[in-house]
Each structure stands twice: as structure tokens, then as C-alpha cells.
Amino acid sequence: MTDDPLRDLLIRHLGRIAPDISLDDVDTGADLREEYDIDSMDFMTLITALGKELSLPMPEADYDQMRSFDDLLAYLHRQSSTQAKPT
């Protein structure tokens, strides 16, 4: 566990999709699909699960912002902070 609950959440969901791969074994700046050897359906499953658990909209138009582990984590932080602000 880390001090970042979003990172822990992302690691947990990736672990369900690619259980044999440790975060220590991959380049967090590289394309998720290549590093975790996940197909587009698994990627969509990951994004959908994260969006549902966090109650965040994660539209397909934003998928380019979610290419790597680091990108996706930054996206989750941005979306979470945006959702927390009153409109």
C-alpha cells in the first residue's frame, strides 16, 4: 500500500486484469496495453471499473490521456479533483 489511494486502486484493478505482472516489473511510463499485455476489451474493463468505483466520467474521447500507468494515474487525480470542486 502507498500513501496514494488512487495509485493503490489502479494497482488493484490492474492486478485483476493482469494478475501475473507486478508493477515492479513494468515501465510505468510505457503503454499500458503493451506493458501489461492487455487487449482493448481488458483496457475498457479497467477504465469502466475505475470510473464506476470512483463515480467519475471516463469517456472514450479521453483514452489518449490514459496510455500509460503514469498517464492514467495523473488522469484519475485530475478527474477526482475536478469532481470534488463545487460547480
Protein backbone atom coordinates (compact mmCIF):
# COMPACT_ATOMS: atom_id res chain seq x y z
CA MET A 1 0.00 0.00 0.00
CA THR A 2 1.10 3.52 -0.73
CA ASP A 3 0.04 6.88 0.60
CA ASP A 4 -1.89 7.41 -2.64
CA PRO A 5 -5.30 5.70 -2.59
CA LEU A 6 -5.78 6.26 -6.36
CA ARG A 7 -2.48 4.52 -7.10
CA ASP A 8 -3.48 1.62 -4.84
CA LEU A 9 -6.85 1.40 -6.59
CA LEU A 10 -5.23 1.38 -10.02
CA ILE A 11 -2.76 -1.32 -8.94
CA ARG A 12 -5.61 -3.43 -7.56
CA HIS A 13 -7.66 -3.21 -10.76
CA LEU A 14 -4.64 -3.88 -12.97
CA GLY A 15 -3.88 -6.88 -10.78
CA ARG A 16 -7.29 -8.34 -11.57
CA ILE A 17 -6.71 -7.95 -15.30
CA ALA A 18 -3.04 -8.98 -15.38
CA PRO A 19 -2.51 -10.98 -12.15
CA ASP A 20 0.90 -12.35 -13.10
CA ILE A 21 2.53 -8.95 -13.59
CA SER A 22 3.97 -6.90 -10.77
CA LEU A 23 4.20 -3.14 -11.04
CA ASP A 24 7.90 -3.54 -10.23
CA ASP A 25 8.32 -5.47 -13.49
CA VAL A 26 6.93 -2.83 -15.85
CA ASP A 27 7.75 0.63 -17.09
CA THR A 28 5.01 2.86 -15.66
CA GLY A 29 5.63 5.38 -18.43
CA ALA A 30 5.10 2.85 -21.23
CA ASP A 31 1.83 1.99 -22.96
CA LEU A 32 -0.38 0.02 -20.57
CA ARG A 33 -1.57 -2.37 -23.25
CA GLU A 34 1.97 -3.32 -24.20
CA GLU A 35 3.46 -3.42 -20.70
CA TYR A 36 0.60 -5.44 -19.23
CA ASP A 37 -0.17 -7.31 -22.46
CA ILE A 38 -3.85 -6.42 -22.19
CA ASP A 39 -6.22 -6.22 -25.11
CA SER A 40 -8.70 -3.47 -25.84
CA MET A 41 -11.55 -5.26 -24.03
CA ASP A 42 -9.46 -5.61 -20.88
CA PHE A 43 -8.47 -1.95 -21.17
CA MET A 44 -12.13 -0.96 -21.41
CA THR A 45 -12.92 -3.21 -18.44
CA LEU A 46 -10.20 -1.44 -16.44
CA ILE A 47 -11.42 2.03 -17.36
CA THR A 48 -15.05 1.12 -16.70
CA ALA A 49 -14.24 -0.41 -13.30
CA LEU A 50 -12.22 2.63 -12.23
CA GLY A 51 -14.89 5.04 -13.41
CA LYS A 52 -17.62 3.11 -11.65
CA GLU A 53 -15.74 2.74 -8.37
CA LEU A 54 -14.76 6.41 -8.31
CA SER A 55 -18.03 7.70 -9.80
CA LEU A 56 -16.04 9.51 -12.47
CA PRO A 57 -16.89 10.02 -16.11
CA MET A 58 -14.11 8.47 -18.22
CA PRO A 59 -15.22 8.99 -21.81
CA GLU A 60 -13.61 7.21 -24.73
CA ALA A 61 -12.51 10.60 -26.07
CA ASP A 62 -10.10 10.78 -23.11
CA TYR A 63 -8.47 7.36 -23.68
CA ASP A 64 -5.40 9.00 -25.25
CA GLN A 65 -4.78 10.62 -21.87
CA MET A 66 -4.69 7.16 -20.25
CA ARG A 67 -2.00 5.39 -22.28
CA SER A 68 0.47 4.56 -19.51
CA PHE A 69 0.13 3.75 -15.83
CA ASP A 70 1.53 7.20 -15.04
CA ASP A 71 -0.85 8.87 -17.52
CA LEU A 72 -3.86 7.05 -16.14
CA LEU A 73 -2.92 7.87 -12.56
CA ALA A 74 -2.50 11.56 -13.44
CA TYR A 75 -5.87 11.46 -15.24
CA LEU A 76 -7.55 9.96 -12.17
CA HIS A 77 -6.05 12.67 -9.97
CA ARG A 78 -7.24 15.42 -12.34
CA GLN A 79 -10.74 13.96 -12.64
CA SER A 80 -11.04 13.37 -8.89
CA SER A 81 -10.02 16.92 -8.07
CA THR A 82 -12.37 18.30 -10.73
CA GLN A 83 -15.30 16.27 -9.38
CA ALA A 84 -14.59 17.41 -5.82
CA LYS A 85 -14.88 21.10 -6.70
CA PRO A 86 -18.30 22.70 -6.42
CA THR A 87 -19.76 23.97 -9.69
